[in-house]
Amino acid sequence: MADTHAKHHDYHLVNPSPWPAVGATAAFITAVGLIIWMRSMGGAPGLFGLRGASVFLVGVLGLLFTVFMWWRDVIKEAHGGDHTPVVQLHLRYGMILFIASEVMFFVAWFWAYFDAALYPAAIHPIDVVTPDGAVEATKEVVGMVKRDEIFGGHWPPKPAEIAETNGYFHGTFDPWGLPLVNTLILLTSGTTVTWAHHALLENNRKGLVWGLVLTVILGILFTTCQAYEYIHAGFSYAGHTYGSTFFMATGFHGAHVIIGTLFLTVCLFRALAGDFTPKQHFGFEAAAWYWHFVDVVWLFLFMCIYVWGAGVPAPH
């Protein structure tokens, strides 16, 4: 009878956990709060916006609490020996699929950018609202709209062809200035995280810690430079397609850099606590994969948006 509940396989059967239910509830609260908050931006009373912001904050705090507690349990499982080689393999499969989904996420932003860049004078029907409230595309009533009526049929737009009332466009970034510096920073961070990984495989704790420290510092430096770049941009988000596609693509990448920096910071604290071993370090490996993914996406952004899509630099 003693062997009735003994485990005779390499798989890990997760114990009952409250965190999926708690996380789903927090996500719902976050969504409701965000909806209420956005309604206040559309003209609802100010108190409405305050309530929405408060509900949104409660939901975000709930999500952060769920993440902390859930990952804490995963670390405990690893220390308890539940992460067998088979389980670690499946965790790697999960991370690969997650990164693949992130690749498709950025494909959408590149698609939007290239659609506007390659066809700046494309013609589109105008949506018209009929008396019964339906929306239909028509060219008989009001004709067709050309993209060159929006940003001059040029890519990138010409500064003189952007109305100041709908946003401003004074020129693009010089790709060989701060964007190139940021590229070198991110590529260097990819080198330091690889150094940390190899140090871990050789059980070199000092090399692991210093590699992570340098990677985190470079990640913070990249974010700081990007914030400086945004502040001094020669164009706005509103009023033209160039600004919206630029800020959406590079902004989401910047968000991923911040997430990756936090990911690696957690790994740094775990490394200082002696959590990782040469044979069991999936948490660090996942963070390193994610960081390399961020590096590769930035290379495409730099080549396509900053270099290939460069126009007349904005005056300083």
Foldseek 3Di string as FASTA:
>chain_A
DVCPPPDPDLAFDDDDDCLVVLLVVLVVLLVQLVVQLVVVVVPDDPVSNVSSVVSNVSSVVSNVVSVVVVVVVVLVCVVVVSCGVVNLVVVVVVLVVVLVVVVVVLVVLVVLVCVCAVFQFDKAFDWDQDPVRDTDGDQPPPHIDTSCLQQNSHFPGDQVNFDVVFWGAQFFAQLPPLVVVLLVLLVVLLVLLVQLLVCQLVVNLVSVLVSLVSSLVSLVVSLVSVVVCVVPGRIDCTRHSLNVSLCVNVVVLNVLSVVLSVLSVVVNVCSVVVSDHNVDDSSSVSSSVSSVSSSVSSVVCSVVCNPVRGDDHGDD
